[in-house]
Amino acid sequence: MTSEKRPVCPYCKAEMKKWKVPVASTWKNEFFYVCFNENCPYFIEGWQYMWETQKTYASYRCKFDPDSGKYMPLPAWSVDALKENIMD
């Protein structure tokens, strides 16, 4: 069995999980890698940032796009949001 080398989150250094892109999305990717570490500072600090700048109770998780090689935010509206699409 071949082990897949996964990216690590640049904010907390946790190994990112393979996440299936929802069918109804506009992304062309089949999957992204996403940090689901509940203690990641990017995720934790995102709640306050989104409230202060957007007046919305939401945050974001760090997402890695294997096609572009870029890290980007993935909106999260709760602690458990998005977890149903984890492929691991």
PDB file of N, CA and C in Angstrom:
ATOM      1  N   MET A   1       0.839  -1.175   0.000  1.00  0.00           N
ATOM      2  CA  MET A   1       0.000   0.000   0.000  1.00  0.00           C
ATOM      3  C   MET A   1       0.889   1.245   0.000  1.00  0.00           C
ATOM      4  N   THR A   2       0.615   2.171  -0.888  1.00  0.00           N
ATOM      5  CA  THR A   2       1.399   3.393  -1.001  1.00  0.00           C
ATOM      6  C   THR A   2       0.833   4.458  -0.069  1.00  0.00           C
ATOM      7  N   SER A   3       1.696   5.065   0.718  1.00  0.00           N
ATOM      8  CA  SER A   3       1.199   6.131   1.584  1.00  0.00           C
ATOM      9  C   SER A   3       1.266   7.444   0.822  1.00  0.00           C
ATOM     10  N   GLU A   4       0.203   8.187   0.934  1.00  0.00           N
ATOM     11  CA  GLU A   4       0.065   9.457   0.227  1.00  0.00           C
ATOM     12  C   GLU A   4       0.722  10.564   1.041  1.00  0.00           C
ATOM     13  N   LYS A   5       1.588  11.342   0.415  1.00  0.00           N
ATOM     14  CA  LYS A   5       2.210  12.466   1.115  1.00  0.00           C
ATOM     15  C   LYS A   5       1.220  13.613   1.091  1.00  0.00           C
ATOM     16  N   ARG A   6       0.831  14.047   2.270  1.00  0.00           N
ATOM     17  CA  ARG A   6      -0.166  15.097   2.381  1.00  0.00           C
ATOM     18  C   ARG A   6       0.476  16.402   2.812  1.00  0.00           C
ATOM     19  N   PRO A   7      -0.084  17.503   2.361  1.00  0.00           N
ATOM     20  CA  PRO A   7       0.451  18.792   2.802  1.00  0.00           C
ATOM     21  C   PRO A   7       0.146  19.022   4.276  1.00  0.00           C
ATOM     22  N   VAL A   8       0.913  19.909   4.882  1.00  0.00           N
ATOM     23  CA  VAL A   8       0.638  20.312   6.259  1.00  0.00           C
ATOM     24  C   VAL A   8       0.164  21.756   6.248  1.00  0.00           C
ATOM     25  N   CYS A   9      -0.664  22.080   7.213  1.00  0.00           N
ATOM     26  CA  CYS A   9      -1.205  23.429   7.332  1.00  0.00           C
ATOM     27  C   CYS A   9      -0.071  24.399   7.654  1.00  0.00           C
ATOM     28  N   PRO A  10       0.039  25.494   6.921  1.00  0.00           N
ATOM     29  CA  PRO A  10       1.103  26.461   7.196  1.00  0.00           C
ATOM     30  C   PRO A  10       0.904  27.233   8.503  1.00  0.00           C
ATOM     31  N   TYR A  11      -0.298  27.148   9.093  1.00  0.00           N
ATOM     32  CA  TYR A  11      -0.605  27.893  10.315  1.00  0.00           C
ATOM     33  C   TYR A  11      -0.393  27.077  11.586  1.00  0.00           C
ATOM     34  N   CYS A  12      -0.618  25.748  11.515  1.00  0.00           N
ATOM     35  CA  CYS A  12      -0.495  24.930  12.727  1.00  0.00           C
ATOM     36  C   CYS A  12       0.378  23.690  12.527  1.00  0.00           C
ATOM     37  N   LYS A  13       0.792  23.423  11.291  1.00  0.00           N
ATOM     38  CA  LYS A  13       1.647  22.291  10.934  1.00  0.00           C
ATOM     39  C   LYS A  13       0.967  20.922  11.063  1.00  0.00           C
ATOM     40  N   ALA A  14      -0.365  20.912  11.198  1.00  0.00           N
ATOM     41  CA  ALA A  14      -1.094  19.633  11.237  1.00  0.00           C
ATOM     42  C   ALA A  14      -1.210  19.081   9.821  1.00  0.00           C
ATOM     43  N   GLU A  15      -1.193  17.766   9.696  1.00  0.00           N
ATOM     44  CA  GLU A  15      -1.390  17.142   8.390  1.00  0.00           C
ATOM     45  C   GLU A  15      -2.827  17.408   7.944  1.00  0.00           C
ATOM     46  N   MET A  16      -2.961  17.821   6.702  1.00  0.00           N
ATOM     47  CA  MET A  16      -4.283  18.146   6.174  1.00  0.00           C
ATOM     48  C   MET A  16      -4.997  16.880   5.707  1.00  0.00           C
ATOM     49  N   LYS A  17      -6.319  16.914   5.756  1.00  0.00           N
ATOM     50  CA  LYS A  17      -7.130  15.772   5.352  1.00  0.00           C
ATOM     51  C   LYS A  17      -7.646  15.962   3.934  1.00  0.00           C
ATOM     52  N   LYS A  18      -7.756  14.853   3.232  1.00  0.00           N
ATOM     53  CA  LYS A  18      -8.305  14.879   1.881  1.00  0.00           C
ATOM     54  C   LYS A  18      -9.820  15.107   2.011  1.00  0.00           C
ATOM     55  N   TRP A  19     -10.311  16.101   1.274  1.00  0.00           N
ATOM     56  CA  TRP A  19     -11.708  16.533   1.392  1.00  0.00           C
ATOM     57  C   TRP A  19     -12.370  16.547   0.015  1.00  0.00           C
ATOM     58  N   LYS A  20     -13.474  15.826  -0.115  1.00  0.00           N
ATOM     59  CA  LYS A  20     -14.188  15.715  -1.388  1.00  0.00           C
ATOM     60  C   LYS A  20     -14.968  16.999  -1.667  1.00  0.00           C
ATOM     61  N   VAL A  21     -14.742  17.581  -2.823  1.00  0.00           N
ATOM     62  CA  VAL A  21     -15.456  18.782  -3.241  1.00  0.00           C
ATOM     63  C   VAL A  21     -16.917  18.409  -3.504  1.00  0.00           C
ATOM     64  N   PRO A  22     -17.865  19.166  -2.949  1.00  0.00           N
ATOM     65  CA  PRO A  22     -19.282  18.857  -3.181  1.00  0.00           C
ATOM     66  C   PRO A  22     -19.640  18.880  -4.675  1.00  0.00           C
ATOM     67  N   VAL A  23     -20.531  18.020  -5.064  1.00  0.00           N
ATOM     68  CA  VAL A  23     -20.937  17.881  -6.465  1.00  0.00           C
ATOM     69  C   VAL A  23     -21.492  19.193  -7.015  1.00  0.00           C
ATOM     70  N   ALA A  24     -22.261  19.912  -6.233  1.00  0.00           N
ATOM     71  CA  ALA A  24     -22.921  21.135  -6.711  1.00  0.00           C
ATOM     72  C   ALA A  24     -22.015  22.364  -6.700  1.00  0.00           C
ATOM     73  N   SER A  25     -20.746  22.199  -6.371  1.00  0.00           N
ATOM     74  CA  SER A  25     -19.850  23.355  -6.312  1.00  0.00           C
ATOM     75  C   SER A  25     -19.400  23.772  -7.709  1.00  0.00           C
ATOM     76  N   THR A  26     -18.807  24.938  -7.783  1.00  0.00           N
ATOM     77  CA  THR A  26     -18.276  25.424  -9.064  1.00  0.00           C
ATOM     78  C   THR A  26     -16.785  25.124  -9.214  1.00  0.00           C
ATOM     79  N   TRP A  27     -16.173  24.499  -8.207  1.00  0.00           N
ATOM     80  CA  TRP A  27     -14.769  24.121  -8.303  1.00  0.00           C
ATOM     81  C   TRP A  27     -14.613  22.948  -9.258  1.00  0.00           C
ATOM     82  N   LYS A  28     -13.562  22.963 -10.052  1.00  0.00           N
ATOM     83  CA  LYS A  28     -13.320  21.864 -10.994  1.00  0.00           C
ATOM     84  C   LYS A  28     -12.612  20.679 -10.344  1.00  0.00           C
ATOM     85  N   ASN A  29     -12.046  20.895  -9.168  1.00  0.00           N
ATOM     86  CA  ASN A  29     -11.302  19.842  -8.466  1.00  0.00           C
ATOM     87  C   ASN A  29     -12.223  18.734  -7.968  1.00  0.00           C
ATOM     88  N   GLU A  30     -11.665  17.538  -7.877  1.00  0.00           N
ATOM     89  CA  GLU A  30     -12.372  16.424  -7.252  1.00  0.00           C
ATOM     90  C   GLU A  30     -12.210  16.495  -5.731  1.00  0.00           C
ATOM     91  N   PHE A  31     -11.043  16.983  -5.298  1.00  0.00           N
ATOM     92  CA  PHE A  31     -10.782  17.098  -3.862  1.00  0.00           C
ATOM     93  C   PHE A  31      -9.794  18.226  -3.591  1.00  0.00           C
ATOM     94  N   PHE A  32      -9.775  18.643  -2.327  1.00  0.00           N
ATOM     95  CA  PHE A  32      -8.772  19.560  -1.788  1.00  0.00           C
ATOM     96  C   PHE A  32      -8.218  18.892  -0.540  1.00  0.00           C
ATOM     97  N   TYR A  33      -7.162  19.461   0.000  1.00  0.00           N
ATOM     98  CA  TYR A  33      -6.692  19.088   1.323  1.00  0.00           C
ATOM     99  C   TYR A  33      -7.098  20.221   2.253  1.00  0.00           C
ATOM    100  N   VAL A  34      -7.642  19.867   3.429  1.00  0.00           N
ATOM    101  CA  VAL A  34      -8.170  20.867   4.353  1.00  0.00           C
ATOM    102  C   VAL A  34      -7.658  20.586   5.756  1.00  0.00           C
ATOM    103  N   CYS A  35      -7.332  21.660   6.488  1.00  0.00           N
ATOM    104  CA  CYS A  35      -6.925  21.527   7.894  1.00  0.00           C
ATOM    105  C   CYS A  35      -8.184  21.479   8.755  1.00  0.00           C
ATOM    106  N   PHE A  36      -8.361  20.379   9.464  1.00  0.00           N
ATOM    107  CA  PHE A  36      -9.494  20.237  10.370  1.00  0.00           C
ATOM    108  C   PHE A  36      -9.052  20.262  11.834  1.00  0.00           C
ATOM    109  N   ASN A  37      -7.881  20.810  12.096  1.00  0.00           N
ATOM    110  CA  ASN A  37      -7.395  20.954  13.465  1.00  0.00           C
ATOM    111  C   ASN A  37      -8.225  22.036  14.155  1.00  0.00           C
ATOM    112  N   GLU A  38      -8.957  21.662  15.194  1.00  0.00           N
ATOM    113  CA  GLU A  38      -9.810  22.617  15.913  1.00  0.00           C
ATOM    114  C   GLU A  38      -8.992  23.682  16.640  1.00  0.00           C
ATOM    115  N   ASN A  39      -7.708  23.430  16.874  1.00  0.00           N
ATOM    116  CA  ASN A  39      -6.845  24.383  17.567  1.00  0.00           C
ATOM    117  C   ASN A  39      -5.983  25.212  16.622  1.00  0.00           C
ATOM    118  N   CYS A  40      -6.236  25.112  15.332  1.00  0.00           N
ATOM    119  CA  CYS A  40      -5.461  25.881  14.348  1.00  0.00           C
ATOM    120  C   CYS A  40      -5.754  27.372  14.533  1.00  0.00           C
ATOM    121  N   PRO A  41      -4.724  28.192  14.674  1.00  0.00           N
ATOM    122  CA  PRO A  41      -4.956  29.629  14.870  1.00  0.00           C
ATOM    123  C   PRO A  41      -5.701  30.286  13.701  1.00  0.00           C
ATOM    124  N   TYR A  42      -5.514  29.794  12.498  1.00  0.00           N
ATOM    125  CA  TYR A  42      -6.213  30.336  11.328  1.00  0.00           C
ATOM    126  C   TYR A  42      -7.726  30.170  11.503  1.00  0.00           C
ATOM    127  N   PHE A  43      -8.146  28.984  11.945  1.00  0.00           N
ATOM    128  CA  PHE A  43      -9.552  28.684  12.181  1.00  0.00           C
ATOM    129  C   PHE A  43     -10.078  29.451  13.404  1.00  0.00           C
ATOM    130  N   ILE A  44      -9.340  29.427  14.488  1.00  0.00           N
ATOM    131  CA  ILE A  44      -9.775  30.079  15.730  1.00  0.00           C
ATOM    132  C   ILE A  44      -9.914  31.592  15.542  1.00  0.00           C
ATOM    133  N   GLU A  45      -8.909  32.220  14.984  1.00  0.00           N
ATOM    134  CA  GLU A  45      -8.932  33.679  14.820  1.00  0.00           C
ATOM    135  C   GLU A  45      -9.903  34.131  13.734  1.00  0.00           C
ATOM    136  N   GLY A  46     -10.273  33.215  12.854  1.00  0.00           N
ATOM    137  CA  GLY A  46     -11.206  33.543  11.786  1.00  0.00           C
ATOM    138  C   GLY A  46     -12.580  33.950  12.277  1.00  0.00           C
ATOM    139  N   TRP A  47     -13.027  33.398  13.408  1.00  0.00           N
ATOM    140  CA  TRP A  47     -14.349  33.739  13.940  1.00  0.00           C
ATOM    141  C   TRP A  47     -14.428  35.232  14.261  1.00  0.00           C
ATOM    142  N   GLN A  48     -13.451  35.731  14.978  1.00  0.00           N
ATOM    143  CA  GLN A  48     -13.447  37.145  15.355  1.00  0.00           C
ATOM    144  C   GLN A  48     -13.254  38.036  14.132  1.00  0.00           C
ATOM    145  N   TYR A  49     -12.354  37.645  13.247  1.00  0.00           N
ATOM    146  CA  TYR A  49     -12.101  38.442  12.051  1.00  0.00           C
ATOM    147  C   TYR A  49     -13.369  38.573  11.205  1.00  0.00           C
ATOM    148  N   MET A  50     -14.068  37.462  10.996  1.00  0.00           N
ATOM    149  CA  MET A  50     -15.281  37.502  10.186  1.00  0.00           C
ATOM    150  C   MET A  50     -16.381  38.331  10.858  1.00  0.00           C
ATOM    151  N   TRP A  51     -16.456  38.272  12.199  1.00  0.00           N
ATOM    152  CA  TRP A  51     -17.449  39.078  12.895  1.00  0.00           C
ATOM    153  C   TRP A  51     -17.115  40.573  12.758  1.00  0.00           C
ATOM    154  N   GLU A  52     -15.850  40.901  12.962  1.00  0.00           N
ATOM    155  CA  GLU A  52     -15.435  42.312  12.903  1.00  0.00           C
ATOM    156  C   GLU A  52     -15.529  42.900  11.495  1.00  0.00           C
ATOM    157  N   THR A  53     -15.265  42.111  10.486  1.00  0.00           N
ATOM    158  CA  THR A  53     -15.233  42.652   9.121  1.00  0.00           C
ATOM    159  C   THR A  53     -16.507  42.396   8.320  1.00  0.00           C
ATOM    160  N   GLN A  54     -17.233  41.316   8.633  1.00  0.00           N
ATOM    161  CA  GLN A  54     -18.415  40.951   7.843  1.00  0.00           C
ATOM    162  C   GLN A  54     -19.710  40.899   8.649  1.00  0.00           C
ATOM    163  N   LYS A  55     -19.586  41.014   9.976  1.00  0.00           N
ATOM    164  CA  LYS A  55     -20.753  40.892  10.870  1.00  0.00           C
ATOM    165  C   LYS A  55     -21.495  39.577  10.643  1.00  0.00           C
ATOM    166  N   THR A  56     -20.716  38.522  10.477  1.00  0.00           N
ATOM    167  CA  THR A  56     -21.294  37.192  10.312  1.00  0.00           C
ATOM    168  C   THR A  56     -20.559  36.216  11.220  1.00  0.00           C
ATOM    169  N   TYR A  57     -21.316  35.265  11.768  1.00  0.00           N
ATOM    170  CA  TYR A  57     -20.710  34.265  12.630  1.00  0.00           C
ATOM    171  C   TYR A  57     -20.255  33.097  11.752  1.00  0.00           C
ATOM    172  N   ALA A  58     -19.020  33.175  11.327  1.00  0.00           N
ATOM    173  CA  ALA A  58     -18.411  32.149  10.482  1.00  0.00           C
ATOM    174  C   ALA A  58     -16.901  32.244  10.642  1.00  0.00           C
ATOM    175  N   SER A  59     -16.203  31.276  10.131  1.00  0.00           N
ATOM    176  CA  SER A  59     -14.749  31.300  10.112  1.00  0.00           C
ATOM    177  C   SER A  59     -14.317  30.689   8.786  1.00  0.00           C
ATOM    178  N   TYR A  60     -13.096  30.172   8.752  1.00  0.00           N
ATOM    179  CA  TYR A  60     -12.582  29.518   7.561  1.00  0.00           C
ATOM    180  C   TYR A  60     -11.502  28.546   7.981  1.00  0.00           C
ATOM    181  N   ARG A  61     -11.332  27.540   7.161  1.00  0.00           N
ATOM    182  CA  ARG A  61     -10.276  26.559   7.361  1.00  0.00           C
ATOM    183  C   ARG A  61      -9.280  26.724   6.224  1.00  0.00           C
ATOM    184  N   CYS A  62      -8.068  26.315   6.472  1.00  0.00           N
ATOM    185  CA  CYS A  62      -7.048  26.412   5.440  1.00  0.00           C
ATOM    186  C   CYS A  62      -7.219  25.256   4.465  1.00  0.00           C
ATOM    187  N   LYS A  63      -7.289  25.598   3.180  1.00  0.00           N
ATOM    188  CA  LYS A  63      -7.477  24.614   2.110  1.00  0.00           C
ATOM    189  C   LYS A  63      -6.260  24.672   1.191  1.00  0.00           C
ATOM    190  N   PHE A  64      -5.811  23.509   0.747  1.00  0.00           N
ATOM    191  CA  PHE A  64      -4.722  23.424  -0.222  1.00  0.00           C
ATOM    192  C   PHE A  64      -5.280  22.867  -1.520  1.00  0.00           C
ATOM    193  N   ASP A  65      -5.053  23.581  -2.617  1.00  0.00           N
ATOM    194  CA  ASP A  65      -5.484  23.150  -3.941  1.00  0.00           C
ATOM    195  C   ASP A  65      -4.312  22.445  -4.609  1.00  0.00           C
ATOM    196  N   PRO A  66      -4.392  21.119  -4.789  1.00  0.00           N
ATOM    197  CA  PRO A  66      -3.263  20.398  -5.385  1.00  0.00           C
ATOM    198  C   PRO A  66      -3.008  20.766  -6.851  1.00  0.00           C
ATOM    199  N   ASP A  67      -4.010  21.295  -7.536  1.00  0.00           N
ATOM    200  CA  ASP A  67      -3.826  21.692  -8.935  1.00  0.00           C
ATOM    201  C   ASP A  67      -3.011  22.981  -9.062  1.00  0.00           C
ATOM    202  N   SER A  68      -3.299  23.949  -8.202  1.00  0.00           N
ATOM    203  CA  SER A  68      -2.593  25.233  -8.282  1.00  0.00           C
ATOM    204  C   SER A  68      -1.393  25.308  -7.346  1.00  0.00           C
ATOM    205  N   GLY A  69      -1.380  24.434  -6.316  1.00  0.00           N
ATOM    206  CA  GLY A  69      -0.309  24.477  -5.325  1.00  0.00           C
ATOM    207  C   GLY A  69      -0.465  25.627  -4.336  1.00  0.00           C
ATOM    208  N   LYS A  70      -1.677  26.187  -4.243  1.00  0.00           N
ATOM    209  CA  LYS A  70      -1.913  27.344  -3.368  1.00  0.00           C
ATOM    210  C   LYS A  70      -2.773  26.979  -2.165  1.00  0.00           C
ATOM    211  N   TYR A  71      -2.498  27.686  -1.064  1.00  0.00           N
ATOM    212  CA  TYR A  71      -3.311  27.599   0.142  1.00  0.00           C
ATOM    213  C   TYR A  71      -4.314  28.741   0.099  1.00  0.00           C
ATOM    214  N   MET A  72      -5.575  28.436   0.441  1.00  0.00           N
ATOM    215  CA  MET A  72      -6.647  29.428   0.393  1.00  0.00           C
ATOM    216  C   MET A  72      -7.644  29.160   1.515  1.00  0.00           C
ATOM    217  N   PRO A  73      -8.488  30.153   1.836  1.00  0.00           N
ATOM    218  CA  PRO A  73      -9.505  29.920   2.856  1.00  0.00           C
ATOM    219  C   PRO A  73     -10.689  29.117   2.313  1.00  0.00           C
ATOM    220  N   LEU A  74     -11.263  28.294   3.174  1.00  0.00           N
ATOM    221  CA  LEU A  74     -12.483  27.561   2.872  1.00  0.00           C
ATOM    222  C   LEU A  74     -13.494  27.947   3.940  1.00  0.00           C
ATOM    223  N   PRO A  75     -14.581  28.644   3.592  1.00  0.00           N
ATOM    224  CA  PRO A  75     -15.553  29.106   4.585  1.00  0.00           C
ATOM    225  C   PRO A  75     -16.123  27.969   5.423  1.00  0.00           C
ATOM    226  N   ALA A  76     -16.263  28.243   6.725  1.00  0.00           N
ATOM    227  CA  ALA A  76     -16.842  27.274   7.659  1.00  0.00           C
ATOM    228  C   ALA A  76     -17.835  28.010   8.548  1.00  0.00           C
ATOM    229  N   TRP A  77     -19.051  27.548   8.602  1.00  0.00           N
ATOM    230  CA  TRP A  77     -20.103  28.213   9.364  1.00  0.00           C
ATOM    231  C   TRP A  77     -20.330  27.597  10.735  1.00  0.00           C
ATOM    232  N   SER A  78     -19.624  26.497  11.021  1.00  0.00           N
ATOM    233  CA  SER A  78     -19.671  25.891  12.357  1.00  0.00           C
ATOM    234  C   SER A  78     -18.428  25.025  12.531  1.00  0.00           C
ATOM    235  N   VAL A  79     -18.211  24.552  13.732  1.00  0.00           N
ATOM    236  CA  VAL A  79     -17.051  23.698  14.009  1.00  0.00           C
ATOM    237  C   VAL A  79     -17.156  22.392  13.223  1.00  0.00           C
ATOM    238  N   ASP A  80     -18.369  21.883  13.053  1.00  0.00           N
ATOM    239  CA  ASP A  80     -18.558  20.601  12.366  1.00  0.00           C
ATOM    240  C   ASP A  80     -18.822  20.736  10.864  1.00  0.00           C
ATOM    241  N   ALA A  81     -19.011  21.962  10.397  1.00  0.00           N
ATOM    242  CA  ALA A  81     -19.273  22.165   8.966  1.00  0.00           C
ATOM    243  C   ALA A  81     -18.139  21.587   8.128  1.00  0.00           C
ATOM    244  N   LEU A  82     -18.484  20.972   7.031  1.00  0.00           N
ATOM    245  CA  LEU A  82     -17.552  20.438   6.018  1.00  0.00           C
ATOM    246  C   LEU A  82     -17.023  19.047   6.351  1.00  0.00           C
ATOM    247  N   LYS A  83     -17.152  18.620   7.584  1.00  0.00           N
ATOM    248  CA  LYS A  83     -16.551  17.348   7.991  1.00  0.00           C
ATOM    249  C   LYS A  83     -17.165  16.135   7.299  1.00  0.00           C
ATOM    250  N   GLU A  84     -18.397  16.252   6.829  1.00  0.00           N
ATOM    251  CA  GLU A  84     -19.033  15.117   6.172  1.00  0.00           C
ATOM    252  C   GLU A  84     -18.362  14.727   4.860  1.00  0.00           C
ATOM    253  N   ASN A  85     -17.533  15.611   4.315  1.00  0.00           N
ATOM    254  CA  ASN A  85     -16.855  15.318   3.045  1.00  0.00           C
ATOM    255  C   ASN A  85     -15.388  14.888   3.212  1.00  0.00           C
ATOM    256  N   ILE A  86     -14.963  14.634   4.441  1.00  0.00           N
ATOM    257  CA  ILE A  86     -13.603  14.136   4.659  1.00  0.00           C
ATOM    258  C   ILE A  86     -13.524  12.741   4.050  1.00  0.00           C
ATOM    259  N   MET A  87     -12.518  12.505   3.248  1.00  0.00           N
ATOM    260  CA  MET A  87     -12.370  11.237   2.538  1.00  0.00           C
ATOM    261  C   MET A  87     -11.540  10.204   3.311  1.00  0.00           C
ATOM    262  N   ASP A  88     -10.887  10.586   4.365  1.00  0.00           N
ATOM    263  CA  ASP A  88     -10.028   9.669   5.137  1.00  0.00           C
ATOM    264  C   ASP A  88     -10.850   8.689   5.938  1.00  0.00           C
TER     265      ASP A  88
END
